[in-house]
mmCIF file of all heavy atoms, coordinates in Angstrom:
data_MODEL
# 
_entry.id   MODEL 
# 
loop_
_atom_site.group_PDB 
_atom_site.id 
_atom_site.type_symbol 
_atom_site.label_atom_id 
_atom_site.label_alt_id 
_atom_site.label_comp_id 
_atom_site.label_asym_id 
_atom_site.label_entity_id 
_atom_site.label_seq_id 
_atom_site.pdbx_PDB_ins_code 
_atom_site.Cartn_x 
_atom_site.Cartn_y 
_atom_site.Cartn_z 
_atom_site.occupancy 
_atom_site.B_iso_or_equiv 
_atom_site.pdbx_formal_charge 
_atom_site.auth_seq_id 
_atom_site.auth_comp_id 
_atom_site.auth_asym_id 
_atom_site.auth_atom_id 
_atom_site.pdbx_PDB_model_num 
ATOM 1   N N   . TRP A 1 1  ? 119.065 17.337 61.004 1.00 0.00 ? 1  TRP A N   1 
ATOM 2   C CA  . TRP A 1 1  ? 118.990 17.394 62.464 1.00 0.00 ? 1  TRP A CA  1 
ATOM 3   C C   . TRP A 1 1  ? 119.216 18.802 62.976 1.00 0.00 ? 1  TRP A C   1 
ATOM 4   O O   . TRP A 1 1  ? 118.539 19.253 63.910 1.00 0.00 ? 1  TRP A O   1 
ATOM 5   C CB  . TRP A 1 1  ? 120.003 16.441 63.102 1.00 0.00 ? 1  TRP A CB  1 
ATOM 6   C CG  . TRP A 1 1  ? 119.572 15.017 63.025 1.00 0.00 ? 1  TRP A CG  1 
ATOM 7   C CD1 . TRP A 1 1  ? 120.147 14.033 62.281 1.00 0.00 ? 1  TRP A CD1 1 
ATOM 8   C CD2 . TRP A 1 1  ? 118.481 14.418 63.712 1.00 0.00 ? 1  TRP A CD2 1 
ATOM 9   N NE1 . TRP A 1 1  ? 119.478 12.856 62.456 1.00 0.00 ? 1  TRP A NE1 1 
ATOM 10  C CE2 . TRP A 1 1  ? 118.443 13.057 63.334 1.00 0.00 ? 1  TRP A CE2 1 
ATOM 11  C CE3 . TRP A 1 1  ? 117.520 14.884 64.599 1.00 0.00 ? 1  TRP A CE3 1 
ATOM 12  C CZ2 . TRP A 1 1  ? 117.499 12.173 63.819 1.00 0.00 ? 1  TRP A CZ2 1 
ATOM 13  C CZ3 . TRP A 1 1  ? 116.575 13.998 65.077 1.00 0.00 ? 1  TRP A CZ3 1 
ATOM 14  C CH2 . TRP A 1 1  ? 116.568 12.659 64.689 1.00 0.00 ? 1  TRP A CH2 1 
ATOM 15  N N   . ILE A 1 2  ? 120.163 19.494 62.377 1.00 0.00 ? 2  ILE A N   1 
ATOM 16  C CA  . ILE A 1 2  ? 120.431 20.864 62.831 1.00 0.00 ? 2  ILE A CA  1 
ATOM 17  C C   . ILE A 1 2  ? 119.233 21.755 62.548 1.00 0.00 ? 2  ILE A C   1 
ATOM 18  O O   . ILE A 1 2  ? 118.804 22.529 63.402 1.00 0.00 ? 2  ILE A O   1 
ATOM 19  C CB  . ILE A 1 2  ? 121.702 21.415 62.155 1.00 0.00 ? 2  ILE A CB  1 
ATOM 20  C CG1 . ILE A 1 2  ? 122.934 20.713 62.724 1.00 0.00 ? 2  ILE A CG1 1 
ATOM 21  C CG2 . ILE A 1 2  ? 121.816 22.921 62.356 1.00 0.00 ? 2  ILE A CG2 1 
ATOM 22  C CD1 . ILE A 1 2  ? 124.216 21.083 62.045 1.00 0.00 ? 2  ILE A CD1 1 
ATOM 23  N N   . ALA A 1 3  ? 118.685 21.660 61.360 1.00 0.00 ? 3  ALA A N   1 
ATOM 24  C CA  . ALA A 1 3  ? 117.571 22.528 60.987 1.00 0.00 ? 3  ALA A CA  1 
ATOM 25  C C   . ALA A 1 3  ? 116.298 22.172 61.755 1.00 0.00 ? 3  ALA A C   1 
ATOM 26  O O   . ALA A 1 3  ? 115.538 23.050 62.157 1.00 0.00 ? 3  ALA A O   1 
ATOM 27  C CB  . ALA A 1 3  ? 117.324 22.451 59.493 1.00 0.00 ? 3  ALA A CB  1 
ATOM 28  N N   . ALA A 1 4  ? 116.047 20.873 61.966 1.00 0.00 ? 4  ALA A N   1 
ATOM 29  C CA  . ALA A 1 4  ? 114.785 20.452 62.566 1.00 0.00 ? 4  ALA A CA  1 
ATOM 30  C C   . ALA A 1 4  ? 114.821 20.426 64.090 1.00 0.00 ? 4  ALA A C   1 
ATOM 31  O O   . ALA A 1 4  ? 113.854 20.812 64.735 1.00 0.00 ? 4  ALA A O   1 
ATOM 32  C CB  . ALA A 1 4  ? 114.403 19.067 62.050 1.00 0.00 ? 4  ALA A CB  1 
ATOM 33  N N   . GLN A 1 5  ? 115.894 19.960 64.673 1.00 0.00 ? 5  GLN A N   1 
ATOM 34  C CA  . GLN A 1 5  ? 115.925 19.745 66.121 1.00 0.00 ? 5  GLN A CA  1 
ATOM 35  C C   . GLN A 1 5  ? 117.065 20.451 66.836 1.00 0.00 ? 5  GLN A C   1 
ATOM 36  O O   . GLN A 1 5  ? 116.918 20.824 67.993 1.00 0.00 ? 5  GLN A O   1 
ATOM 37  C CB  . GLN A 1 5  ? 116.044 18.239 66.420 1.00 0.00 ? 5  GLN A CB  1 
ATOM 38  C CG  . GLN A 1 5  ? 114.989 17.395 65.780 1.00 0.00 ? 5  GLN A CG  1 
ATOM 39  C CD  . GLN A 1 5  ? 113.602 17.682 66.321 1.00 0.00 ? 5  GLN A CD  1 
ATOM 40  O OE1 . GLN A 1 5  ? 113.454 18.069 67.464 1.00 0.00 ? 5  GLN A OE1 1 
ATOM 41  N NE2 . GLN A 1 5  ? 112.603 17.495 65.497 1.00 0.00 ? 5  GLN A NE2 1 
ATOM 42  N N   . GLY A 1 6  ? 118.182 20.588 66.172 1.00 0.00 ? 6  GLY A N   1 
ATOM 43  C CA  . GLY A 1 6  ? 119.396 21.058 66.835 1.00 0.00 ? 6  GLY A CA  1 
ATOM 44  C C   . GLY A 1 6  ? 119.262 22.420 67.484 1.00 0.00 ? 6  GLY A C   1 
ATOM 45  O O   . GLY A 1 6  ? 119.653 22.611 68.632 1.00 0.00 ? 6  GLY A O   1 
ATOM 46  N N   . ALA A 1 7  ? 118.692 23.381 66.771 1.00 0.00 ? 7  ALA A N   1 
ATOM 47  C CA  . ALA A 1 7  ? 118.586 24.726 67.321 1.00 0.00 ? 7  ALA A CA  1 
ATOM 48  C C   . ALA A 1 7  ? 117.688 24.749 68.560 1.00 0.00 ? 7  ALA A C   1 
ATOM 49  O O   . ALA A 1 7  ? 117.980 25.438 69.530 1.00 0.00 ? 7  ALA A O   1 
ATOM 50  C CB  . ALA A 1 7  ? 118.058 25.692 66.264 1.00 0.00 ? 7  ALA A CB  1 
ATOM 51  N N   . VAL A 1 8  ? 116.612 23.978 68.536 1.00 0.00 ? 8  VAL A N   1 
ATOM 52  C CA  . VAL A 1 8  ? 115.707 23.942 69.686 1.00 0.00 ? 8  VAL A CA  1 
ATOM 53  C C   . VAL A 1 8  ? 116.394 23.289 70.881 1.00 0.00 ? 8  VAL A C   1 
ATOM 54  O O   . VAL A 1 8  ? 116.309 23.781 72.010 1.00 0.00 ? 8  VAL A O   1 
ATOM 55  C CB  . VAL A 1 8  ? 114.409 23.191 69.318 1.00 0.00 ? 8  VAL A CB  1 
ATOM 56  C CG1 . VAL A 1 8  ? 113.537 23.004 70.534 1.00 0.00 ? 8  VAL A CG1 1 
ATOM 57  C CG2 . VAL A 1 8  ? 113.669 23.921 68.230 1.00 0.00 ? 8  VAL A CG2 1 
ATOM 58  N N   . LEU A 1 9  ? 117.090 22.189 70.648 1.00 0.00 ? 9  LEU A N   1 
ATOM 59  C CA  . LEU A 1 9  ? 117.781 21.506 71.742 1.00 0.00 ? 9  LEU A CA  1 
ATOM 60  C C   . LEU A 1 9  ? 118.893 22.369 72.326 1.00 0.00 ? 9  LEU A C   1 
ATOM 61  O O   . LEU A 1 9  ? 119.088 22.399 73.548 1.00 0.00 ? 9  LEU A O   1 
ATOM 62  C CB  . LEU A 1 9  ? 118.328 20.163 71.261 1.00 0.00 ? 9  LEU A CB  1 
ATOM 63  C CG  . LEU A 1 9  ? 117.269 19.130 70.855 1.00 0.00 ? 9  LEU A CG  1 
ATOM 64  C CD1 . LEU A 1 9  ? 117.936 17.889 70.289 1.00 0.00 ? 9  LEU A CD1 1 
ATOM 65  C CD2 . LEU A 1 9  ? 116.381 18.792 72.032 1.00 0.00 ? 9  LEU A CD2 1 
ATOM 66  N N   . VAL A 1 10 ? 119.615 23.074 71.469 1.00 0.00 ? 10 VAL A N   1 
ATOM 67  C CA  . VAL A 1 10 ? 120.669 23.955 71.964 1.00 0.00 ? 10 VAL A CA  1 
ATOM 68  C C   . VAL A 1 10 ? 120.059 25.105 72.756 1.00 0.00 ? 10 VAL A C   1 
ATOM 69  O O   . VAL A 1 10 ? 120.593 25.504 73.800 1.00 0.00 ? 10 VAL A O   1 
ATOM 70  C CB  . VAL A 1 10 ? 121.547 24.473 70.807 1.00 0.00 ? 10 VAL A CB  1 
ATOM 71  C CG1 . VAL A 1 10 ? 122.470 25.589 71.257 1.00 0.00 ? 10 VAL A CG1 1 
ATOM 72  C CG2 . VAL A 1 10 ? 122.360 23.326 70.229 1.00 0.00 ? 10 VAL A CG2 1 
ATOM 73  N N   . PHE A 1 11 ? 118.925 25.639 72.311 1.00 0.00 ? 11 PHE A N   1 
ATOM 74  C CA  . PHE A 1 11 ? 118.270 26.713 73.057 1.00 0.00 ? 11 PHE A CA  1 
ATOM 75  C C   . PHE A 1 11 ? 117.859 26.228 74.443 1.00 0.00 ? 11 PHE A C   1 
ATOM 76  O O   . PHE A 1 11 ? 118.062 26.938 75.437 1.00 0.00 ? 11 PHE A O   1 
ATOM 77  C CB  . PHE A 1 11 ? 117.049 27.233 72.296 1.00 0.00 ? 11 PHE A CB  1 
ATOM 78  C CG  . PHE A 1 11 ? 116.330 28.322 73.015 1.00 0.00 ? 11 PHE A CG  1 
ATOM 79  C CD1 . PHE A 1 11 ? 116.861 29.602 73.073 1.00 0.00 ? 11 PHE A CD1 1 
ATOM 80  C CD2 . PHE A 1 11 ? 115.133 28.077 73.659 1.00 0.00 ? 11 PHE A CD2 1 
ATOM 81  C CE1 . PHE A 1 11 ? 116.206 30.613 73.749 1.00 0.00 ? 11 PHE A CE1 1 
ATOM 82  C CE2 . PHE A 1 11 ? 114.474 29.085 74.339 1.00 0.00 ? 11 PHE A CE2 1 
ATOM 83  C CZ  . PHE A 1 11 ? 115.014 30.353 74.382 1.00 0.00 ? 11 PHE A CZ  1 
ATOM 84  N N   . ILE A 1 12 ? 117.299 25.038 74.540 1.00 0.00 ? 12 ILE A N   1 
ATOM 85  C CA  . ILE A 1 12 ? 116.932 24.478 75.847 1.00 0.00 ? 12 ILE A CA  1 
ATOM 86  C C   . ILE A 1 12 ? 118.174 24.310 76.708 1.00 0.00 ? 12 ILE A C   1 
ATOM 87  O O   . ILE A 1 12 ? 118.168 24.627 77.907 1.00 0.00 ? 12 ILE A O   1 
ATOM 88  C CB  . ILE A 1 12 ? 116.161 23.159 75.671 1.00 0.00 ? 12 ILE A CB  1 
ATOM 89  C CG1 . ILE A 1 12 ? 114.797 23.439 75.043 1.00 0.00 ? 12 ILE A CG1 1 
ATOM 90  C CG2 . ILE A 1 12 ? 116.008 22.435 77.002 1.00 0.00 ? 12 ILE A CG2 1 
ATOM 91  C CD1 . ILE A 1 12 ? 114.061 22.194 74.608 1.00 0.00 ? 12 ILE A CD1 1 
ATOM 92  N N   . ALA A 1 13 ? 119.265 23.831 76.116 1.00 0.00 ? 13 ALA A N   1 
ATOM 93  C CA  . ALA A 1 13 ? 120.517 23.677 76.863 1.00 0.00 ? 13 ALA A CA  1 
ATOM 94  C C   . ALA A 1 13 ? 121.037 25.039 77.343 1.00 0.00 ? 13 ALA A C   1 
ATOM 95  O O   . ALA A 1 13 ? 121.548 25.148 78.468 1.00 0.00 ? 13 ALA A O   1 
ATOM 96  C CB  . ALA A 1 13 ? 121.564 22.988 75.998 1.00 0.00 ? 13 ALA A CB  1 
ATOM 97  N N   . LEU A 1 14 ? 120.889 26.077 76.532 1.00 0.00 ? 14 LEU A N   1 
ATOM 98  C CA  . LEU A 1 14 ? 121.333 27.409 76.941 1.00 0.00 ? 14 LEU A CA  1 
ATOM 99  C C   . LEU A 1 14 ? 120.525 27.919 78.133 1.00 0.00 ? 14 LEU A C   1 
ATOM 100 O O   . LEU A 1 14 ? 121.077 28.547 79.040 1.00 0.00 ? 14 LEU A O   1 
ATOM 101 C CB  . LEU A 1 14 ? 121.207 28.395 75.780 1.00 0.00 ? 14 LEU A CB  1 
ATOM 102 C CG  . LEU A 1 14 ? 122.188 28.207 74.630 1.00 0.00 ? 14 LEU A CG  1 
ATOM 103 C CD1 . LEU A 1 14 ? 121.871 29.187 73.509 1.00 0.00 ? 14 LEU A CD1 1 
ATOM 104 C CD2 . LEU A 1 14 ? 123.608 28.360 75.088 1.00 0.00 ? 14 LEU A CD2 1 
ATOM 105 N N   . VAL A 1 15 ? 119.235 27.652 78.144 1.00 0.00 ? 15 VAL A N   1 
ATOM 106 C CA  . VAL A 1 15 ? 118.400 28.064 79.272 1.00 0.00 ? 15 VAL A CA  1 
ATOM 107 C C   . VAL A 1 15 ? 118.839 27.339 80.546 1.00 0.00 ? 15 VAL A C   1 
ATOM 108 O O   . VAL A 1 15 ? 118.936 27.940 81.622 1.00 0.00 ? 15 VAL A O   1 
ATOM 109 C CB  . VAL A 1 15 ? 116.906 27.814 78.968 1.00 0.00 ? 15 VAL A CB  1 
ATOM 110 C CG1 . VAL A 1 15 ? 116.052 28.013 80.198 1.00 0.00 ? 15 VAL A CG1 1 
ATOM 111 C CG2 . VAL A 1 15 ? 116.447 28.718 77.842 1.00 0.00 ? 15 VAL A CG2 1 
ATOM 112 N N   . VAL A 1 16 ? 119.128 26.046 80.422 1.00 0.00 ? 16 VAL A N   1 
ATOM 113 C CA  . VAL A 1 16 ? 119.578 25.269 81.583 1.00 0.00 ? 16 VAL A CA  1 
ATOM 114 C C   . VAL A 1 16 ? 120.930 25.796 82.078 1.00 0.00 ? 16 VAL A C   1 
ATOM 115 O O   . VAL A 1 16 ? 121.133 25.976 83.280 1.00 0.00 ? 16 VAL A O   1 
ATOM 116 C CB  . VAL A 1 16 ? 119.646 23.765 81.233 1.00 0.00 ? 16 VAL A CB  1 
ATOM 117 C CG1 . VAL A 1 16 ? 120.347 22.975 82.320 1.00 0.00 ? 16 VAL A CG1 1 
ATOM 118 C CG2 . VAL A 1 16 ? 118.251 23.222 80.980 1.00 0.00 ? 16 VAL A CG2 1 
ATOM 119 N N   . VAL A 1 17 ? 121.857 26.054 81.166 1.00 0.00 ? 17 VAL A N   1 
ATOM 120 C CA  . VAL A 1 17 ? 123.172 26.575 81.548 1.00 0.00 ? 17 VAL A CA  1 
ATOM 121 C C   . VAL A 1 17 ? 123.031 27.936 82.215 1.00 0.00 ? 17 VAL A C   1 
ATOM 122 O O   . VAL A 1 17 ? 123.692 28.221 83.226 1.00 0.00 ? 17 VAL A O   1 
ATOM 123 C CB  . VAL A 1 17 ? 124.103 26.656 80.311 1.00 0.00 ? 17 VAL A CB  1 
ATOM 124 C CG1 . VAL A 1 17 ? 125.352 27.473 80.604 1.00 0.00 ? 17 VAL A CG1 1 
ATOM 125 C CG2 . VAL A 1 17 ? 124.471 25.266 79.845 1.00 0.00 ? 17 VAL A CG2 1 
ATOM 126 N N   . TYR A 1 18 ? 122.178 28.796 81.679 1.00 0.00 ? 18 TYR A N   1 
ATOM 127 C CA  . TYR A 1 18 ? 121.971 30.116 82.273 1.00 0.00 ? 18 TYR A CA  1 
ATOM 128 C C   . TYR A 1 18 ? 121.417 29.998 83.696 1.00 0.00 ? 18 TYR A C   1 
ATOM 129 O O   . TYR A 1 18 ? 121.901 30.679 84.608 1.00 0.00 ? 18 TYR A O   1 
ATOM 130 C CB  . TYR A 1 18 ? 121.020 30.943 81.405 1.00 0.00 ? 18 TYR A CB  1 
ATOM 131 C CG  . TYR A 1 18 ? 120.774 32.327 81.940 1.00 0.00 ? 18 TYR A CG  1 
ATOM 132 C CD1 . TYR A 1 18 ? 121.719 33.333 81.766 1.00 0.00 ? 18 TYR A CD1 1 
ATOM 133 C CD2 . TYR A 1 18 ? 119.610 32.637 82.620 1.00 0.00 ? 18 TYR A CD2 1 
ATOM 134 C CE1 . TYR A 1 18 ? 121.510 34.599 82.268 1.00 0.00 ? 18 TYR A CE1 1 
ATOM 135 C CE2 . TYR A 1 18 ? 119.387 33.904 83.121 1.00 0.00 ? 18 TYR A CE2 1 
ATOM 136 C CZ  . TYR A 1 18 ? 120.339 34.877 82.932 1.00 0.00 ? 18 TYR A CZ  1 
ATOM 137 O OH  . TYR A 1 18 ? 120.125 36.134 83.441 1.00 0.00 ? 18 TYR A OH  1 
ATOM 138 N N   . GLY A 1 19 ? 120.443 29.140 83.888 1.00 0.00 ? 19 GLY A N   1 
ATOM 139 C CA  . GLY A 1 19 ? 119.871 28.936 85.228 1.00 0.00 ? 19 GLY A CA  1 
ATOM 140 C C   . GLY A 1 19 ? 120.904 28.398 86.198 1.00 0.00 ? 19 GLY A C   1 
ATOM 141 O O   . GLY A 1 19 ? 121.000 28.863 87.344 1.00 0.00 ? 19 GLY A O   1 
ATOM 142 N N   . TRP A 1 20 ? 121.682 27.416 85.758 1.00 0.00 ? 20 TRP A N   1 
ATOM 143 C CA  . TRP A 1 20 ? 122.723 26.844 86.623 1.00 0.00 ? 20 TRP A CA  1 
ATOM 144 C C   . TRP A 1 20 ? 123.764 27.906 86.986 1.00 0.00 ? 20 TRP A C   1 
ATOM 145 O O   . TRP A 1 20 ? 124.157 28.032 88.157 1.00 0.00 ? 20 TRP A O   1 
ATOM 146 C CB  . TRP A 1 20 ? 123.387 25.659 85.914 1.00 0.00 ? 20 TRP A CB  1 
ATOM 147 C CG  . TRP A 1 20 ? 124.551 25.123 86.665 1.00 0.00 ? 20 TRP A CG  1 
ATOM 148 C CD1 . TRP A 1 20 ? 124.528 24.264 87.712 1.00 0.00 ? 20 TRP A CD1 1 
ATOM 149 C CD2 . TRP A 1 20 ? 125.934 25.443 86.426 1.00 0.00 ? 20 TRP A CD2 1 
ATOM 150 N NE1 . TRP A 1 20 ? 125.811 24.023 88.141 1.00 0.00 ? 20 TRP A NE1 1 
ATOM 151 C CE2 . TRP A 1 20 ? 126.693 24.737 87.365 1.00 0.00 ? 20 TRP A CE2 1 
ATOM 152 C CE3 . TRP A 1 20 ? 126.594 26.253 85.507 1.00 0.00 ? 20 TRP A CE3 1 
ATOM 153 C CZ2 . TRP A 1 20 ? 128.070 24.828 87.416 1.00 0.00 ? 20 TRP A CZ2 1 
ATOM 154 C CZ3 . TRP A 1 20 ? 127.965 26.336 85.563 1.00 0.00 ? 20 TRP A CZ3 1 
ATOM 155 C CH2 . TRP A 1 20 ? 128.690 25.625 86.515 1.00 0.00 ? 20 TRP A CH2 1 
ATOM 156 N N   . ALA A 1 21 ? 124.211 28.675 85.997 1.00 0.00 ? 21 ALA A N   1 
ATOM 157 C CA  . ALA A 1 21 ? 125.243 29.683 86.245 1.00 0.00 ? 21 ALA A CA  1 
ATOM 158 C C   . ALA A 1 21 ? 124.734 30.789 87.164 1.00 0.00 ? 21 ALA A C   1 
ATOM 159 O O   . ALA A 1 21 ? 125.453 31.242 88.063 1.00 0.00 ? 21 ALA A O   1 
ATOM 160 C CB  . ALA A 1 21 ? 125.735 30.269 84.927 1.00 0.00 ? 21 ALA A CB  1 
ATOM 161 N N   . MET A 1 22 ? 123.495 31.224 86.973 1.00 0.00 ? 22 MET A N   1 
ATOM 162 C CA  . MET A 1 22 ? 122.955 32.278 87.828 1.00 0.00 ? 22 MET A CA  1 
ATOM 163 C C   . MET A 1 22 ? 122.803 31.786 89.271 1.00 0.00 ? 22 MET A C   1 
ATOM 164 O O   . MET A 1 22 ? 123.077 32.533 90.213 1.00 0.00 ? 22 MET A O   1 
ATOM 165 C CB  . MET A 1 22 ? 121.625 32.786 87.285 1.00 0.00 ? 22 MET A CB  1 
ATOM 166 C CG  . MET A 1 22 ? 121.771 33.554 85.981 1.00 0.00 ? 22 MET A CG  1 
ATOM 167 S SD  . MET A 1 22 ? 122.897 34.949 86.065 1.00 0.00 ? 22 MET A SD  1 
ATOM 168 C CE  . MET A 1 22 ? 121.946 36.072 87.048 1.00 0.00 ? 22 MET A CE  1 
ATOM 169 N N   . ASN A 1 23 ? 122.386 30.535 89.450 1.00 0.00 ? 23 ASN A N   1 
ATOM 170 C CA  . ASN A 1 23 ? 122.324 29.975 90.809 1.00 0.00 ? 23 ASN A CA  1 
ATOM 171 C C   . ASN A 1 23 ? 123.709 29.945 91.440 1.00 0.00 ? 23 ASN A C   1 
ATOM 172 O O   . ASN A 1 23 ? 123.870 30.247 92.619 1.00 0.00 ? 23 ASN A O   1 
ATOM 173 C CB  . ASN A 1 23 ? 121.719 28.574 90.787 1.00 0.00 ? 23 ASN A CB  1 
ATOM 174 C CG  . ASN A 1 23 ? 120.222 28.603 90.615 1.00 0.00 ? 23 ASN A CG  1 
ATOM 175 O OD1 . ASN A 1 23 ? 119.573 29.573 90.947 1.00 0.00 ? 23 ASN A OD1 1 
ATOM 176 N ND2 . ASN A 1 23 ? 119.683 27.528 90.081 1.00 0.00 ? 23 ASN A ND2 1 
ATOM 177 N N   . ARG A 1 24 ? 124.693 29.569 90.650 1.00 0.00 ? 24 ARG A N   1 
ATOM 178 C CA  . ARG A 1 24 ? 126.074 29.530 91.142 1.00 0.00 ? 24 ARG A CA  1 
ATOM 179 C C   . ARG A 1 24 ? 126.549 30.927 91.530 1.00 0.00 ? 24 ARG A C   1 
ATOM 180 O O   . ARG A 1 24 ? 127.166 31.113 92.589 1.00 0.00 ? 24 ARG A O   1 
ATOM 181 C CB  . ARG A 1 24 ? 126.971 28.940 90.064 1.00 0.00 ? 24 ARG A CB  1 
ATOM 182 C CG  . ARG A 1 24 ? 128.395 28.764 90.487 1.00 0.00 ? 24 ARG A CG  1 
ATOM 183 C CD  . ARG A 1 24 ? 129.167 27.971 89.437 1.00 0.00 ? 24 ARG A CD  1 
ATOM 184 N NE  . ARG A 1 24 ? 130.561 28.060 89.722 1.00 0.00 ? 24 ARG A NE  1 
ATOM 185 C CZ  . ARG A 1 24 ? 131.460 28.626 88.923 1.00 0.00 ? 24 ARG A CZ  1 
ATOM 186 N NH1 . ARG A 1 24 ? 131.087 29.137 87.776 1.00 0.00 ? 24 ARG A NH1 1 
ATOM 187 N NH2 . ARG A 1 24 ? 132.719 28.676 89.262 1.00 0.00 ? 24 ARG A NH2 1 
ATOM 188 N N   . PHE A 1 25 ? 126.250 31.935 90.692 1.00 0.00 ? 25 PHE A N   1 
ATOM 189 C CA  . PHE A 1 25 ? 126.636 33.313 91.005 1.00 0.00 ? 25 PHE A CA  1 
ATOM 190 C C   . PHE A 1 25 ? 125.957 33.786 92.286 1.00 0.00 ? 25 PHE A C   1 
ATOM 191 O O   . PHE A 1 25 ? 126.571 34.457 93.117 1.00 0.00 ? 25 PHE A O   1 
ATOM 192 C CB  . PHE A 1 25 ? 126.271 34.259 89.860 1.00 0.00 ? 25 PHE A CB  1 
ATOM 193 C CG  . PHE A 1 25 ? 127.086 34.061 88.611 1.00 0.00 ? 25 PHE A CG  1 
ATOM 194 C CD1 . PHE A 1 25 ? 126.604 34.513 87.396 1.00 0.00 ? 25 PHE A CD1 1 
ATOM 195 C CD2 . PHE A 1 25 ? 128.311 33.434 88.626 1.00 0.00 ? 25 PHE A CD2 1 
ATOM 196 C CE1 . PHE A 1 25 ? 127.330 34.348 86.239 1.00 0.00 ? 25 PHE A CE1 1 
ATOM 197 C CE2 . PHE A 1 25 ? 129.053 33.258 87.476 1.00 0.00 ? 25 PHE A CE2 1 
ATOM 198 C CZ  . PHE A 1 25 ? 128.559 33.718 86.271 1.00 0.00 ? 25 PHE A CZ  1 
ATOM 199 N N   . GLU A 1 26 ? 124.681 33.456 92.443 1.00 0.00 ? 26 GLU A N   1 
ATOM 200 C CA  . GLU A 1 26 ? 123.960 33.866 93.648 1.00 0.00 ? 26 GLU A CA  1 
ATOM 201 C C   . GLU A 1 26 ? 124.528 33.197 94.894 1.00 0.00 ? 26 GLU A C   1 
ATOM 202 O O   . GLU A 1 26 ? 124.633 33.829 95.949 1.00 0.00 ? 26 GLU A O   1 
ATOM 203 C CB  . GLU A 1 26 ? 122.477 33.549 93.509 1.00 0.00 ? 26 GLU A CB  1 
ATOM 204 C CG  . GLU A 1 26 ? 121.766 34.460 92.541 1.00 0.00 ? 26 GLU A CG  1 
ATOM 205 C CD  . GLU A 1 26 ? 120.316 34.108 92.344 1.00 0.00 ? 26 GLU A CD  1 
ATOM 206 O OE1 . GLU A 1 26 ? 119.822 33.163 93.003 1.00 0.00 ? 26 GLU A OE1 1 
ATOM 207 O OE2 . GLU A 1 26 ? 119.665 34.761 91.516 1.00 0.00 ? 26 GLU A OE2 1 
# 
């Protein structure tokens, strides 16, 4: 799961967290 899906799912989650945090900062 980590090799096949985990890294991609975590990357998507990081993009969502970054967008949420930047909106909050703004």
